[in-house]
Protein backbone atom coordinates (compact mmCIF):
# COMPACT_ATOMS: atom_id res chain seq x y z
CA UNK A 1 6.69 20.72 -9.33
CA UNK A 2 8.51 17.83 -10.92
CA UNK A 3 6.42 15.41 -12.96
CA UNK A 4 6.55 11.66 -12.25
CA UNK A 5 9.47 9.94 -13.93
CA UNK A 6 8.40 7.22 -16.36
CA UNK A 7 11.04 4.71 -15.29
CA UNK A 8 12.66 4.23 -11.97
CA UNK A 9 13.71 1.82 -9.26
CA UNK A 10 12.53 1.24 -5.75
CA UNK A 11 14.81 2.26 -2.90
CA UNK A 12 17.94 0.15 -2.35
CA UNK A 13 16.62 -2.48 -4.73
CA UNK A 14 18.03 -3.66 -8.02
CA UNK A 15 15.34 -6.01 -9.29
CA UNK A 16 16.07 -5.84 -13.03
CA UNK A 17 18.12 -8.97 -13.61
CA UNK A 18 19.63 -7.69 -16.87
CA UNK A 19 20.66 -4.46 -15.16
CA UNK A 20 22.19 -6.40 -12.27
CA UNK A 21 24.27 -8.52 -14.66
CA UNK A 22 25.39 -5.40 -16.55
CA UNK A 23 26.37 -3.58 -13.36
CA UNK A 24 28.33 -6.57 -12.08
CA UNK A 25 30.28 -6.72 -15.34
CA UNK A 26 30.85 -2.96 -15.39
CA UNK A 27 32.06 -3.01 -11.80
CA UNK A 28 35.07 -5.04 -12.90
CA UNK A 29 36.22 -2.77 -15.72
CA UNK A 30 34.91 0.63 -14.62
CA UNK A 31 34.30 0.63 -10.86
CA UNK A 32 34.09 4.43 -10.48
CA UNK A 33 31.51 4.81 -13.25
CA UNK A 34 29.56 1.82 -11.96
CA UNK A 35 29.56 3.23 -8.44
CA UNK A 36 28.01 6.48 -9.64
CA UNK A 37 25.34 4.66 -11.67
CA UNK A 38 24.51 2.28 -8.82
CA UNK A 39 24.17 5.14 -6.31
CA UNK A 40 21.77 6.88 -8.68
CA UNK A 41 19.79 3.69 -8.97
CA UNK A 42 19.62 3.16 -5.23
CA UNK A 43 18.36 6.68 -4.55
CA UNK A 44 15.99 7.14 -7.50
CA UNK A 45 12.32 7.55 -6.58
CA UNK A 46 9.09 6.98 -8.46
CA UNK A 47 5.87 8.78 -7.68
CA UNK A 48 2.74 6.66 -7.64
CA UNK A 49 -0.20 8.05 -9.56
CA UNK A 50 -2.76 9.31 -7.05
CA UNK A 51 -6.22 7.80 -7.16
CA UNK A 52 -9.15 10.22 -7.57
CA UNK A 53 -9.99 9.76 -3.88
CA UNK A 54 -6.40 10.48 -2.83
CA UNK A 55 -6.17 13.54 -5.08
CA UNK A 56 -9.44 14.91 -3.70
CA UNK A 57 -8.30 14.32 -0.13
CA UNK A 58 -5.03 16.16 -0.73
CA UNK A 59 -6.90 19.30 -1.74
CA UNK A 60 -8.76 19.39 1.57
CA UNK A 61 -5.54 20.06 3.48
CA UNK A 62 -3.81 23.37 3.97
CA UNK A 63 -0.61 23.33 1.94
CA UNK A 64 2.74 24.76 3.01
CA UNK A 65 6.14 24.86 1.32
CA UNK A 66 9.38 24.04 3.14
CA UNK A 67 13.01 24.17 2.10
CA UNK A 68 14.97 21.00 2.88
CA UNK A 69 18.61 21.63 2.07
CA UNK A 70 17.71 23.34 -1.20
CA UNK A 71 14.82 21.06 -2.18
CA UNK A 72 11.27 22.36 -1.97
CA UNK A 73 8.83 20.00 -0.26
CA UNK A 74 5.14 20.24 0.54
CA UNK A 75 3.23 19.49 3.73
CA UNK A 76 -0.53 19.43 4.20
CA UNK A 77 -2.38 19.94 7.48
CA UNK A 78 -5.88 19.29 8.76
CA UNK A 79 -7.60 20.25 12.01
CA UNK A 80 -6.55 22.24 15.05
CA UNK A 81 -4.57 21.50 18.19
CA UNK A 82 -1.16 20.03 18.88
CA UNK A 83 0.54 18.69 15.76
CA UNK A 84 0.77 15.02 14.87
CA UNK A 85 3.42 14.49 12.20
CA UNK A 86 2.74 11.84 9.55
CA UNK A 87 5.58 10.40 7.43
CA UNK A 88 4.98 8.05 4.51
CA UNK A 89 7.21 5.26 3.26
CA UNK A 90 9.20 4.71 0.07
CA UNK A 91 7.34 5.91 -3.05
CA UNK A 92 4.43 6.91 -0.81
CA UNK A 93 2.92 10.33 -0.13
CA UNK A 94 0.90 12.34 2.36
CA UNK A 95 -2.29 10.86 0.92
CA UNK A 96 -1.34 7.45 2.34
CA UNK A 97 -2.80 8.76 5.61
CA UNK A 98 -6.18 9.83 4.24
CA UNK A 99 -7.97 7.23 6.36
CA UNK A 100 -6.07 8.14 9.52
CA UNK A 101 -6.25 11.94 9.31
CA UNK A 102 -10.00 12.22 10.15
CA UNK A 103 -9.51 10.07 13.25
CA UNK A 104 -6.60 12.22 14.41
CA UNK A 105 -8.44 15.50 13.89
CA UNK A 106 -11.55 14.08 15.60
CA UNK A 107 -9.34 13.37 18.62
CA UNK A 108 -8.48 17.07 18.81
CA UNK A 109 -5.12 17.20 17.04
CA UNK A 110 -3.73 18.85 13.92
CA UNK A 111 -2.59 16.23 11.43
CA UNK A 112 0.45 17.33 9.41
CA UNK A 113 1.45 15.00 6.57
CA UNK A 114 4.44 15.75 4.37
CA UNK A 115 5.73 14.64 1.00
CA UNK A 116 9.43 13.82 1.28
CA UNK A 117 11.86 14.86 -1.49
CA UNK A 118 11.13 12.94 -4.67
CA UNK A 119 7.64 12.01 -3.47
CA UNK A 120 4.12 13.32 -3.98
CA UNK A 121 3.98 17.06 -4.63
CA UNK A 122 7.55 17.72 -3.51
CA UNK A 123 10.49 18.45 -5.78
CA UNK A 124 13.47 16.20 -6.33
CA UNK A 125 13.98 12.79 -7.88
CA UNK A 126 16.04 10.98 -5.25
CA UNK A 127 15.66 10.10 -1.59
CA UNK A 128 16.68 7.78 1.21
CA UNK A 129 15.77 7.22 4.84
CA UNK A 130 18.11 10.11 5.65
CA UNK A 131 16.26 12.40 3.21
CA UNK A 132 12.95 11.42 4.79
CA UNK A 133 14.30 12.05 8.28
CA UNK A 134 15.66 15.44 7.31
CA UNK A 135 12.32 16.45 5.76
CA UNK A 136 10.52 15.43 8.95
CA UNK A 137 12.95 17.49 11.02
CA UNK A 138 12.32 20.58 8.89
CA UNK A 139 8.54 20.26 9.10
CA UNK A 140 8.78 19.52 12.83
CA UNK A 141 10.84 22.65 13.37
CA UNK A 142 7.97 24.63 11.83
CA UNK A 143 5.13 22.95 13.74
CA UNK A 144 6.86 22.77 17.12
CA UNK A 145 6.87 19.81 19.54
CA UNK A 146 4.57 17.06 18.31
CA UNK A 147 2.04 15.12 20.32
CA UNK A 148 3.04 12.13 18.21
CA UNK A 149 4.92 11.08 15.11
CA UNK A 150 3.24 8.40 13.02
CA UNK A 151 5.27 6.81 10.24
CA UNK A 152 4.89 3.94 7.78
CA UNK A 153 7.43 1.53 6.27
CA UNK A 154 10.79 3.18 5.48
CA UNK A 155 9.31 6.29 7.05
CA UNK A 156 9.38 4.38 10.33
CA UNK A 157 13.16 4.06 10.19
CA UNK A 158 13.42 7.71 9.12
CA UNK A 159 11.13 8.92 11.92
CA UNK A 160 13.08 6.97 14.52
CA UNK A 161 16.30 8.49 13.18
CA UNK A 162 14.83 12.01 13.35
CA UNK A 163 13.59 11.52 16.92
CA UNK A 164 16.96 10.09 17.96
CA UNK A 165 18.53 13.27 16.58
CA UNK A 166 16.32 15.56 18.64
CA UNK A 167 12.94 15.85 16.93
CA UNK A 168 10.54 16.53 19.80
CA UNK A 169 7.52 14.23 20.23
CA UNK A 170 5.56 12.74 23.11
CA UNK A 171 5.30 9.34 21.43
CA UNK A 172 6.35 7.47 18.32
CA UNK A 173 3.93 5.20 16.42
CA UNK A 174 5.47 3.04 13.68
CA UNK A 175 3.25 1.21 11.19
CA UNK A 176 4.94 -1.72 9.45
CA UNK A 177 8.38 -0.15 9.89
CA UNK A 178 11.45 -1.22 7.93
CA UNK A 179 13.58 -2.59 10.77
CA UNK A 180 16.87 -3.16 8.95
CA UNK A 181 17.24 -0.80 5.98
CA UNK A 182 20.96 -0.42 6.56
CA UNK A 183 21.61 -4.14 6.38
CA UNK A 184 19.37 -4.36 3.33
CA UNK A 185 21.59 -1.79 1.62
CA UNK A 186 24.67 -3.82 2.47
CA UNK A 187 23.16 -7.03 1.09
CA UNK A 188 21.96 -5.31 -2.08
CA UNK A 189 25.40 -3.76 -2.62
CA UNK A 190 27.09 -7.12 -2.04
CA UNK A 191 24.98 -8.61 -4.85
CA UNK A 192 27.15 -6.58 -7.25
CA UNK A 193 30.29 -8.36 -6.10
CA UNK A 194 32.12 -9.08 -2.88
CA UNK A 195 34.86 -6.55 -3.60
CA UNK A 196 32.59 -3.91 -5.15
CA UNK A 197 29.88 -3.99 -2.46
CA UNK A 198 31.84 -2.17 0.28
CA UNK A 199 32.88 0.49 -2.21
CA UNK A 200 29.25 1.12 -3.11
CA UNK A 201 28.21 1.28 0.55
CA UNK A 202 30.91 3.86 1.26
CA UNK A 203 29.74 5.92 -1.72
CA UNK A 204 26.14 5.81 -0.53
CA UNK A 205 27.16 6.80 2.98
CA UNK A 206 29.14 9.74 1.62
CA UNK A 207 26.17 10.80 -0.51
CA UNK A 208 23.59 10.77 2.32
CA UNK A 209 25.99 11.72 5.11
CA UNK A 210 25.10 8.86 7.45
CA UNK A 211 26.49 5.33 7.99
CA UNK A 212 23.92 2.86 6.69
CA UNK A 213 23.89 0.88 9.93
CA UNK A 214 22.66 4.02 11.72
CA UNK A 215 19.42 3.61 9.75
CA UNK A 216 18.53 0.31 11.43
CA UNK A 217 15.86 0.66 14.10
CA UNK A 218 17.92 -1.10 16.73
CA UNK A 219 20.44 1.77 16.52
CA UNK A 220 18.09 4.73 16.34
CA UNK A 221 15.55 3.48 18.89
CA UNK A 222 18.34 3.16 21.44
CA UNK A 223 18.46 6.97 21.53
CA UNK A 224 14.67 7.48 21.63
CA UNK A 225 13.25 8.31 25.07
CA UNK A 226 9.61 8.65 24.01
CA UNK A 227 7.23 5.68 24.24
CA UNK A 228 7.26 3.64 21.04
CA UNK A 229 4.33 1.67 19.62
CA UNK A 230 4.80 -0.61 16.63
CA UNK A 231 1.84 -1.96 14.67
CA UNK A 232 2.87 -4.75 12.31
CA UNK A 233 1.06 -7.37 10.28
CA UNK A 234 2.00 -11.02 10.59
CA UNK A 235 1.72 -11.49 6.80
CA UNK A 236 3.74 -8.41 5.80
CA UNK A 237 6.08 -9.38 2.95
CA UNK A 238 7.57 -5.95 2.32
CA UNK A 239 8.88 -5.43 5.85
CA UNK A 240 8.86 -8.81 7.61
CA UNK A 241 7.87 -9.06 11.25
CA UNK A 242 10.78 -11.24 12.41
CA UNK A 243 13.39 -8.47 12.92
CA UNK A 244 10.79 -6.28 14.64
CA UNK A 245 10.05 -8.61 17.54
CA UNK A 246 13.50 -8.26 19.21
CA UNK A 247 13.12 -4.47 19.16
CA UNK A 248 10.37 -4.59 21.78
CA UNK A 249 11.37 -7.67 23.77
CA UNK A 250 12.46 -6.72 27.29
CA UNK A 251 12.38 -3.01 26.43
CA UNK A 252 10.23 -0.94 28.75
CA UNK A 253 8.43 1.77 26.85
CA UNK A 254 8.26 -0.19 23.59
CA UNK A 255 5.10 -2.03 22.59
CA UNK A 256 4.13 -4.30 19.69
CA UNK A 257 0.59 -4.73 18.38
CA UNK A 258 -0.05 -7.25 15.63
CA UNK A 259 -2.63 -7.56 12.88
CA UNK A 260 -3.45 -10.43 10.53
CA UNK A 261 -4.15 -10.61 6.80
CA UNK A 262 -3.60 -6.90 6.15
CA UNK A 263 -0.14 -7.07 4.61
CA UNK A 264 2.06 -4.00 4.28
CA UNK A 265 -0.22 -1.20 3.09
CA UNK A 266 -3.73 -2.11 4.24
CA UNK A 267 -2.75 -1.36 7.84
CA UNK A 268 -3.06 2.27 6.79
CA UNK A 269 -6.74 1.87 5.92
CA UNK A 270 -8.04 -0.77 8.31
CA UNK A 271 -10.73 0.84 10.54
CA UNK A 272 -9.60 -1.03 13.67
CA UNK A 273 -6.00 0.00 13.15
CA UNK A 274 -7.04 3.59 12.45
CA UNK A 275 -8.97 3.77 15.72
CA UNK A 276 -6.12 2.16 17.61
CA UNK A 277 -3.54 4.59 16.23
CA UNK A 278 -5.77 7.56 17.04
CA UNK A 279 -6.01 6.27 20.63
CA UNK A 280 -2.23 5.87 20.82
CA UNK A 281 -1.75 9.40 19.52
CA UNK A 282 -4.04 10.67 22.27
CA UNK A 283 -2.02 8.80 24.89
CA UNK A 284 -4.89 6.47 25.76
CA UNK A 285 -4.33 3.00 27.11
CA UNK A 286 -4.77 0.41 24.37
CA UNK A 287 -5.60 -3.15 25.37
CA UNK A 288 -4.86 -5.75 22.68
CA UNK A 289 -6.94 -8.88 22.21
CA UNK A 290 -5.93 -12.10 23.95
CA UNK A 291 -3.47 -12.87 21.15
CA UNK A 292 -1.68 -9.51 21.35
CA UNK A 293 -3.36 -8.28 18.19
CA UNK A 294 -5.14 -5.03 17.51
CA UNK A 295 -8.53 -5.59 19.09
CA UNK A 296 -11.04 -6.18 16.31
CA UNK A 297 -8.44 -6.95 13.64
CA UNK A 298 -7.36 -10.40 14.81
CA UNK A 299 -8.06 -13.33 12.53
CA UNK A 300 -7.40 -15.76 15.39
CA UNK A 301 -10.33 -14.35 17.35
CA UNK A 302 -12.64 -15.19 14.48
CA UNK A 303 -14.79 -12.12 15.18
CA UNK A 304 -15.94 -11.75 11.61
CA UNK A 305 -14.64 -13.20 8.37
CA UNK A 306 -16.37 -10.33 6.59
CA UNK A 307 -13.73 -7.93 7.91
CA UNK A 308 -11.18 -9.67 5.70
CA UNK A 309 -13.30 -9.39 2.57
CA UNK A 310 -11.08 -8.09 -0.22
CA UNK A 311 -13.46 -5.35 -1.30
CA UNK A 312 -13.69 -3.94 2.24
CA UNK A 313 -9.91 -4.02 2.51
CA UNK A 314 -9.35 -1.97 -0.66
CA UNK A 315 -7.29 1.09 0.29
């Protein structure tokens, strides 16, 4: 297995100001070289160090190796019954679902969480939403039709893409999904220069084999027939709520449940969200609170300020 790389970027982000200035200057004098370096930067992954609890949880699952277009990836499974596929987000891993897995298995399903290329235990050092989607397709081909696919963050866009391409599932549950990754790529590329940006986008599209706009949820969900549930936090700064709302408005079969004060990652650990997702996976009817929030996780209801205590929210 590859070891974590000491330095890396996050997906489709160029946050290092000095690097951005250098790339913009290089784009003028050496556009081909700069294009190659920028593509590498966009696709480079970084594995998070697993906490002791996450590492221990990983070992409780049954491991399996899969080949994804020449890259070896790892999936872990727990429980018995119809499979529920779990896909993490950028720089995440299968252990992101350690709070959700027990609820899914208790509901009578087999939870199957995978590490995408460049993530967790899997090989590789680069990825994209297309890589994540392809990995999900390979694991899904092994498990057979899924009772549900549950995905977080960029994994939400990837899962929607995979289902739109034929991955079989009864329902799709997206937790804090990235609604517009394709447009984010275009904006990030444009930051390197108005003339250079389109060149970089074309290079990225050639590398991953998919137009970046096809990664946006509005495109992929249009080809998804299964019921779709989106759980999103009103204070999420990583994947803002605003572009998610139009995805469910006036669309039969698409549903939005909101949470408050959880942010981007704590939705994966919140006990109310965990129970709600397990119910959605089982096909049960879920009734939100009066504000449209996940029942029990709504700050507006004022049920208990203790539920927002920082220590209890630690993932």
